[in-house]
């Protein structure tokens, strides 16, 4: 009888131990996904050639808990035009910057500076898009100037597929009013690396613009 009680005690002890470990593992995974890293699947072609449709990427959320988005970062965020969705684009304009799109290129006047400079985007724009950044709509071919003054705490973002990306040039409210800027707290993380397909695994690094 005593042996049976010991065996019964051992069974429930091990069952509770297994359940406790499962709860701890689930909590750790949830915390990691919430605060550190998270998988994300790319939808659409707005970031080609940098990212392609159906690729799986890993988002580094921790980077923006300690710091701020940087120019050139590829980020996941909720657009002001549809807060239920997540987009992935590249940070172009920082708080205080003046971004001008004209003649197919992006010109940037950094906060506190007097002169604007043409942004060198040759490192990530393919030949189809280099020199073909147009005002809204992105495929219009309209080379006339459009200027955006980025407010404090907000960012101006563009897709790398400049002729096929809904981004800061296109975001509008329900009444049609342009809302081109993304608040910092809506930027959820930086794209750390491509995880799948295996043949394309590599880390993403922000370009050096030399500004």
C-alpha atoms as a PDB file:
ATOM      1  CA  UNK A   1       0.000   0.000   0.000  1.00  0.00           C
ATOM      2  CA  UNK A   2       2.788   2.399   0.917  1.00  0.00           C
ATOM      3  CA  UNK A   3       4.546   1.687  -2.382  1.00  0.00           C
ATOM      4  CA  UNK A   4       1.362   2.507  -4.333  1.00  0.00           C
ATOM      5  CA  UNK A   5       1.041   5.871  -2.522  1.00  0.00           C
ATOM      6  CA  UNK A   6       4.611   6.745  -3.359  1.00  0.00           C
ATOM      7  CA  UNK A   7       4.040   5.874  -7.014  1.00  0.00           C
ATOM      8  CA  UNK A   8       0.830   7.933  -7.083  1.00  0.00           C
ATOM      9  CA  UNK A   9       2.598  10.871  -5.485  1.00  0.00           C
ATOM     10  CA  UNK A  10       5.386  10.542  -8.017  1.00  0.00           C
ATOM     11  CA  UNK A  11       2.953  10.583 -10.958  1.00  0.00           C
ATOM     12  CA  UNK A  12       1.153  13.768  -9.863  1.00  0.00           C
ATOM     13  CA  UNK A  13       4.419  15.419  -8.943  1.00  0.00           C
ATOM     14  CA  UNK A  14       5.864  14.777 -12.394  1.00  0.00           C
ATOM     15  CA  UNK A  15       2.627  15.826 -14.104  1.00  0.00           C
ATOM     16  CA  UNK A  16       2.583  19.138 -12.249  1.00  0.00           C
ATOM     17  CA  UNK A  17       6.281  19.594 -12.977  1.00  0.00           C
ATOM     18  CA  UNK A  18       5.649  19.087 -16.708  1.00  0.00           C
ATOM     19  CA  UNK A  19       2.699  21.516 -16.665  1.00  0.00           C
ATOM     20  CA  UNK A  20       4.746  24.100 -14.764  1.00  0.00           C
ATOM     21  CA  UNK A  21       7.554  23.864 -17.303  1.00  0.00           C
ATOM     22  CA  UNK A  22       5.101  24.223 -20.181  1.00  0.00           C
ATOM     23  CA  UNK A  23       3.658  27.380 -18.595  1.00  0.00           C
ATOM     24  CA  UNK A  24       7.147  28.817 -18.075  1.00  0.00           C
ATOM     25  CA  UNK A  25       8.167  28.053 -21.676  1.00  0.00           C
ATOM     26  CA  UNK A  26       4.971  29.606 -23.067  1.00  0.00           C
ATOM     27  CA  UNK A  27       5.527  32.711 -20.916  1.00  0.00           C
ATOM     28  CA  UNK A  28       9.128  33.036 -22.070  1.00  0.00           C
ATOM     29  CA  UNK A  29       8.149  32.644 -25.744  1.00  0.00           C
ATOM     30  CA  UNK A  30       5.362  35.210 -25.309  1.00  0.00           C
ATOM     31  CA  UNK A  31       7.754  37.661 -23.661  1.00  0.00           C
ATOM     32  CA  UNK A  32      10.331  37.168 -26.415  1.00  0.00           C
ATOM     33  CA  UNK A  33       7.718  37.737 -29.137  1.00  0.00           C
ATOM     34  CA  UNK A  34       6.343  40.794 -27.343  1.00  0.00           C
ATOM     35  CA  UNK A  35       9.547  42.557 -26.321  1.00  0.00           C
ATOM     36  CA  UNK A  36      12.507  41.069 -28.200  1.00  0.00           C
ATOM     37  CA  UNK A  37      12.022  39.355 -31.576  1.00  0.00           C
ATOM     38  CA  UNK A  38       9.094  38.178 -33.663  1.00  0.00           C
ATOM     39  CA  UNK A  39       8.587  36.455 -37.038  1.00  0.00           C
ATOM     40  CA  UNK A  40       6.739  38.283 -39.811  1.00  0.00           C
ATOM     41  CA  UNK A  41       5.731  37.260 -43.329  1.00  0.00           C
ATOM     42  CA  UNK A  42       6.135  39.772 -46.144  1.00  0.00           C
ATOM     43  CA  UNK A  43       3.021  40.371 -48.237  1.00  0.00           C
ATOM     44  CA  UNK A  44       3.314  41.968 -51.660  1.00  0.00           C
ATOM     45  CA  UNK A  45       6.138  43.436 -53.715  1.00  0.00           C
ATOM     46  CA  UNK A  46       6.506  46.921 -52.194  1.00  0.00           C
ATOM     47  CA  UNK A  47      10.058  46.201 -50.949  1.00  0.00           C
ATOM     48  CA  UNK A  48      11.635  44.353 -53.888  1.00  0.00           C
ATOM     49  CA  UNK A  49      14.533  43.700 -54.367  1.00  0.00           C
ATOM     50  CA  UNK A  50      15.290  43.972 -50.638  1.00  0.00           C
ATOM     51  CA  UNK A  51      12.335  41.795 -49.571  1.00  0.00           C
ATOM     52  CA  UNK A  52      10.056  39.608 -51.660  1.00  0.00           C
ATOM     53  CA  UNK A  53       6.486  38.374 -51.312  1.00  0.00           C
ATOM     54  CA  UNK A  54       6.018  35.432 -48.883  1.00  0.00           C
ATOM     55  CA  UNK A  55       9.487  35.711 -47.358  1.00  0.00           C
ATOM     56  CA  UNK A  56       9.731  35.247 -43.604  1.00  0.00           C
ATOM     57  CA  UNK A  57      11.674  37.860 -41.701  1.00  0.00           C
ATOM     58  CA  UNK A  58      12.670  38.253 -38.059  1.00  0.00           C
ATOM     59  CA  UNK A  59      11.812  41.552 -36.379  1.00  0.00           C
ATOM     60  CA  UNK A  60      14.078  42.977 -33.683  1.00  0.00           C
ATOM     61  CA  UNK A  61      11.733  44.786 -31.275  1.00  0.00           C
ATOM     62  CA  UNK A  62      14.358  45.280 -28.580  1.00  0.00           C
ATOM     63  CA  UNK A  63      16.316  47.705 -30.781  1.00  0.00           C
ATOM     64  CA  UNK A  64      13.675  50.407 -30.358  1.00  0.00           C
ATOM     65  CA  UNK A  65      13.127  49.798 -26.659  1.00  0.00           C
ATOM     66  CA  UNK A  66      16.639  51.150 -26.122  1.00  0.00           C
ATOM     67  CA  UNK A  67      16.981  53.457 -29.115  1.00  0.00           C
ATOM     68  CA  UNK A  68      15.149  55.123 -31.977  1.00  0.00           C
ATOM     69  CA  UNK A  69      14.615  54.158 -35.617  1.00  0.00           C
ATOM     70  CA  UNK A  70      17.508  55.206 -37.819  1.00  0.00           C
ATOM     71  CA  UNK A  71      17.600  56.442 -41.378  1.00  0.00           C
ATOM     72  CA  UNK A  72      17.746  53.511 -43.756  1.00  0.00           C
ATOM     73  CA  UNK A  73      16.281  51.006 -41.289  1.00  0.00           C
ATOM     74  CA  UNK A  74      13.744  48.610 -42.756  1.00  0.00           C
ATOM     75  CA  UNK A  75      10.923  48.546 -40.212  1.00  0.00           C
ATOM     76  CA  UNK A  76       7.541  46.988 -39.486  1.00  0.00           C
ATOM     77  CA  UNK A  77       4.861  49.489 -38.460  1.00  0.00           C
ATOM     78  CA  UNK A  78       1.167  50.280 -38.430  1.00  0.00           C
ATOM     79  CA  UNK A  79       0.319  52.857 -41.111  1.00  0.00           C
ATOM     80  CA  UNK A  80      -1.788  55.881 -40.113  1.00  0.00           C
ATOM     81  CA  UNK A  81      -4.247  55.071 -42.897  1.00  0.00           C
ATOM     82  CA  UNK A  82      -5.097  51.597 -41.530  1.00  0.00           C
ATOM     83  CA  UNK A  83      -4.116  50.838 -37.952  1.00  0.00           C
ATOM     84  CA  UNK A  84      -5.289  47.214 -38.240  1.00  0.00           C
ATOM     85  CA  UNK A  85      -2.511  46.266 -40.669  1.00  0.00           C
ATOM     86  CA  UNK A  86       1.259  46.024 -40.501  1.00  0.00           C
ATOM     87  CA  UNK A  87       3.486  47.322 -43.293  1.00  0.00           C
ATOM     88  CA  UNK A  88       7.192  46.969 -43.917  1.00  0.00           C
ATOM     89  CA  UNK A  89       9.059  49.962 -45.420  1.00  0.00           C
ATOM     90  CA  UNK A  90      12.326  51.886 -45.129  1.00  0.00           C
ATOM     91  CA  UNK A  91      12.881  54.927 -42.900  1.00  0.00           C
ATOM     92  CA  UNK A  92      13.845  57.904 -45.076  1.00  0.00           C
ATOM     93  CA  UNK A  93      12.884  61.039 -43.146  1.00  0.00           C
ATOM     94  CA  UNK A  94      13.740  61.507 -39.475  1.00  0.00           C
ATOM     95  CA  UNK A  95      12.047  63.954 -37.054  1.00  0.00           C
ATOM     96  CA  UNK A  96      12.845  67.515 -38.093  1.00  0.00           C
ATOM     97  CA  UNK A  97      13.959  66.575 -41.625  1.00  0.00           C
ATOM     98  CA  UNK A  98      12.554  68.079 -44.802  1.00  0.00           C
ATOM     99  CA  UNK A  99      12.080  65.465 -47.524  1.00  0.00           C
ATOM    100  CA  UNK A 100      11.584  66.568 -51.126  1.00  0.00           C
ATOM    101  CA  UNK A 101      10.722  64.255 -53.999  1.00  0.00           C
ATOM    102  CA  UNK A 102      11.515  65.727 -57.399  1.00  0.00           C
ATOM    103  CA  UNK A 103      12.924  64.688 -60.765  1.00  0.00           C
ATOM    104  CA  UNK A 104      12.621  61.025 -59.719  1.00  0.00           C
ATOM    105  CA  UNK A 105      14.914  61.324 -56.694  1.00  0.00           C
ATOM    106  CA  UNK A 106      14.715  61.972 -52.960  1.00  0.00           C
ATOM    107  CA  UNK A 107      16.361  65.119 -51.579  1.00  0.00           C
ATOM    108  CA  UNK A 108      16.901  65.519 -47.871  1.00  0.00           C
ATOM    109  CA  UNK A 109      17.515  68.521 -45.640  1.00  0.00           C
ATOM    110  CA  UNK A 110      18.459  67.231 -42.206  1.00  0.00           C
ATOM    111  CA  UNK A 111      17.153  68.907 -39.083  1.00  0.00           C
ATOM    112  CA  UNK A 112      19.174  72.040 -38.326  1.00  0.00           C
ATOM    113  CA  UNK A 113      20.823  72.228 -41.763  1.00  0.00           C
ATOM    114  CA  UNK A 114      20.222  74.799 -44.500  1.00  0.00           C
ATOM    115  CA  UNK A 115      20.997  72.834 -47.650  1.00  0.00           C
ATOM    116  CA  UNK A 116      19.323  69.719 -49.012  1.00  0.00           C
ATOM    117  CA  UNK A 117      21.245  66.828 -50.561  1.00  0.00           C
ATOM    118  CA  UNK A 118      20.236  64.114 -52.976  1.00  0.00           C
ATOM    119  CA  UNK A 119      19.963  60.831 -51.125  1.00  0.00           C
ATOM    120  CA  UNK A 120      22.204  58.108 -52.529  1.00  0.00           C
ATOM    121  CA  UNK A 121      19.896  55.083 -52.721  1.00  0.00           C
ATOM    122  CA  UNK A 122      21.868  53.102 -55.260  1.00  0.00           C
ATOM    123  CA  UNK A 123      22.700  50.472 -52.646  1.00  0.00           C
ATOM    124  CA  UNK A 124      19.154  49.129 -52.420  1.00  0.00           C
ATOM    125  CA  UNK A 125      17.051  50.465 -55.297  1.00  0.00           C
ATOM    126  CA  UNK A 126      17.106  48.280 -58.406  1.00  0.00           C
ATOM    127  CA  UNK A 127      17.492  49.820 -61.911  1.00  0.00           C
ATOM    128  CA  UNK A 128      13.712  49.862 -62.366  1.00  0.00           C
ATOM    129  CA  UNK A 129      13.302  52.139 -59.338  1.00  0.00           C
ATOM    130  CA  UNK A 130      16.514  54.154 -59.100  1.00  0.00           C
ATOM    131  CA  UNK A 131      15.690  57.625 -60.395  1.00  0.00           C
ATOM    132  CA  UNK A 132      11.978  56.784 -60.490  1.00  0.00           C
ATOM    133  CA  UNK A 133      10.658  58.001 -57.149  1.00  0.00           C
ATOM    134  CA  UNK A 134       7.528  59.969 -58.012  1.00  0.00           C
ATOM    135  CA  UNK A 135       4.941  61.847 -56.008  1.00  0.00           C
ATOM    136  CA  UNK A 136       1.567  60.208 -55.348  1.00  0.00           C
ATOM    137  CA  UNK A 137       0.402  58.065 -57.043  1.00  0.00           C
ATOM    138  CA  UNK A 138       3.735  56.186 -57.061  1.00  0.00           C
ATOM    139  CA  UNK A 139       3.433  54.996 -60.667  1.00  0.00           C
ATOM    140  CA  UNK A 140       2.353  58.389 -62.005  1.00  0.00           C
ATOM    141  CA  UNK A 141       5.698  59.402 -63.484  1.00  0.00           C
ATOM    142  CA  UNK A 142       5.044  62.873 -62.050  1.00  0.00           C
ATOM    143  CA  UNK A 143       8.474  64.450 -61.504  1.00  0.00           C
ATOM    144  CA  UNK A 144       7.217  67.724 -60.042  1.00  0.00           C
ATOM    145  CA  UNK A 145       8.325  68.457 -56.485  1.00  0.00           C
ATOM    146  CA  UNK A 146       6.511  67.280 -53.366  1.00  0.00           C
ATOM    147  CA  UNK A 147       7.894  68.413 -50.006  1.00  0.00           C
ATOM    148  CA  UNK A 148       7.310  66.892 -46.578  1.00  0.00           C
ATOM    149  CA  UNK A 149       8.410  68.478 -43.306  1.00  0.00           C
ATOM    150  CA  UNK A 150       8.674  65.662 -40.780  1.00  0.00           C
ATOM    151  CA  UNK A 151       7.260  66.595 -37.341  1.00  0.00           C
ATOM    152  CA  UNK A 152       8.909  65.738 -34.029  1.00  0.00           C
ATOM    153  CA  UNK A 153       8.340  62.140 -32.993  1.00  0.00           C
ATOM    154  CA  UNK A 154       7.339  61.015 -36.500  1.00  0.00           C
ATOM    155  CA  UNK A 155       8.984  59.471 -39.563  1.00  0.00           C
ATOM    156  CA  UNK A 156       8.681  59.450 -43.355  1.00  0.00           C
ATOM    157  CA  UNK A 157       8.848  55.954 -44.879  1.00  0.00           C
ATOM    158  CA  UNK A 158       9.147  54.661 -48.437  1.00  0.00           C
ATOM    159  CA  UNK A 159       9.075  51.212 -49.997  1.00  0.00           C
ATOM    160  CA  UNK A 160      12.070  50.151 -52.107  1.00  0.00           C
ATOM    161  CA  UNK A 161       9.752  49.363 -55.021  1.00  0.00           C
ATOM    162  CA  UNK A 162       9.138  53.048 -55.573  1.00  0.00           C
ATOM    163  CA  UNK A 163       6.696  52.599 -58.452  1.00  0.00           C
ATOM    164  CA  UNK A 164       4.636  49.972 -56.639  1.00  0.00           C
ATOM    165  CA  UNK A 165       4.558  50.906 -52.961  1.00  0.00           C
ATOM    166  CA  UNK A 166       1.835  52.413 -50.796  1.00  0.00           C
ATOM    167  CA  UNK A 167       3.870  54.434 -48.318  1.00  0.00           C
ATOM    168  CA  UNK A 168       4.195  57.933 -46.863  1.00  0.00           C
ATOM    169  CA  UNK A 169       3.404  59.394 -50.271  1.00  0.00           C
ATOM    170  CA  UNK A 170       0.036  57.631 -50.307  1.00  0.00           C
ATOM    171  CA  UNK A 171      -1.295  57.438 -46.737  1.00  0.00           C
ATOM    172  CA  UNK A 172      -4.586  59.308 -46.407  1.00  0.00           C
ATOM    173  CA  UNK A 173      -7.394  59.652 -43.887  1.00  0.00           C
ATOM    174  CA  UNK A 174     -10.974  58.624 -44.683  1.00  0.00           C
ATOM    175  CA  UNK A 175     -11.711  62.164 -45.851  1.00  0.00           C
ATOM    176  CA  UNK A 176      -8.800  61.994 -48.298  1.00  0.00           C
ATOM    177  CA  UNK A 177      -6.501  64.253 -46.291  1.00  0.00           C
ATOM    178  CA  UNK A 178      -2.831  63.202 -46.608  1.00  0.00           C
ATOM    179  CA  UNK A 179      -1.303  61.757 -43.425  1.00  0.00           C
ATOM    180  CA  UNK A 180       2.229  60.989 -44.603  1.00  0.00           C
ATOM    181  CA  UNK A 181       4.020  60.529 -41.284  1.00  0.00           C
ATOM    182  CA  UNK A 182       4.264  57.539 -38.963  1.00  0.00           C
ATOM    183  CA  UNK A 183       4.437  58.062 -35.198  1.00  0.00           C
ATOM    184  CA  UNK A 184       7.442  56.509 -33.469  1.00  0.00           C
ATOM    185  CA  UNK A 185       5.255  54.400 -31.170  1.00  0.00           C
ATOM    186  CA  UNK A 186       3.657  52.755 -34.234  1.00  0.00           C
ATOM    187  CA  UNK A 187       7.030  51.478 -35.455  1.00  0.00           C
ATOM    188  CA  UNK A 188       7.140  48.024 -33.911  1.00  0.00           C
ATOM    189  CA  UNK A 189      10.614  46.837 -34.812  1.00  0.00           C
ATOM    190  CA  UNK A 190      13.534  46.714 -37.222  1.00  0.00           C
ATOM    191  CA  UNK A 191      13.895  43.910 -39.752  1.00  0.00           C
ATOM    192  CA  UNK A 192      16.837  41.928 -38.412  1.00  0.00           C
ATOM    193  CA  UNK A 193      17.269  39.224 -41.025  1.00  0.00           C
ATOM    194  CA  UNK A 194      15.503  37.147 -43.659  1.00  0.00           C
ATOM    195  CA  UNK A 195      14.739  33.701 -42.207  1.00  0.00           C
ATOM    196  CA  UNK A 196      13.064  31.895 -45.126  1.00  0.00           C
ATOM    197  CA  UNK A 197      13.609  30.732 -47.766  1.00  0.00           C
ATOM    198  CA  UNK A 198      16.876  29.206 -46.584  1.00  0.00           C
ATOM    199  CA  UNK A 199      18.670  30.213 -49.790  1.00  0.00           C
ATOM    200  CA  UNK A 200      18.109  33.898 -48.951  1.00  0.00           C
ATOM    201  CA  UNK A 201      19.022  33.928 -45.262  1.00  0.00           C
ATOM    202  CA  UNK A 202      21.021  37.047 -44.466  1.00  0.00           C
ATOM    203  CA  UNK A 203      20.987  40.024 -42.089  1.00  0.00           C
ATOM    204  CA  UNK A 204      19.818  43.466 -43.181  1.00  0.00           C
ATOM    205  CA  UNK A 205      22.002  46.447 -42.429  1.00  0.00           C
ATOM    206  CA  UNK A 206      21.150  50.120 -42.755  1.00  0.00           C
ATOM    207  CA  UNK A 207      23.013  51.851 -45.603  1.00  0.00           C
ATOM    208  CA  UNK A 208      25.681  54.501 -45.076  1.00  0.00           C
ATOM    209  CA  UNK A 209      24.324  57.641 -46.711  1.00  0.00           C
ATOM    210  CA  UNK A 210      27.303  59.835 -45.957  1.00  0.00           C
ATOM    211  CA  UNK A 211      25.138  62.823 -45.052  1.00  0.00           C
END
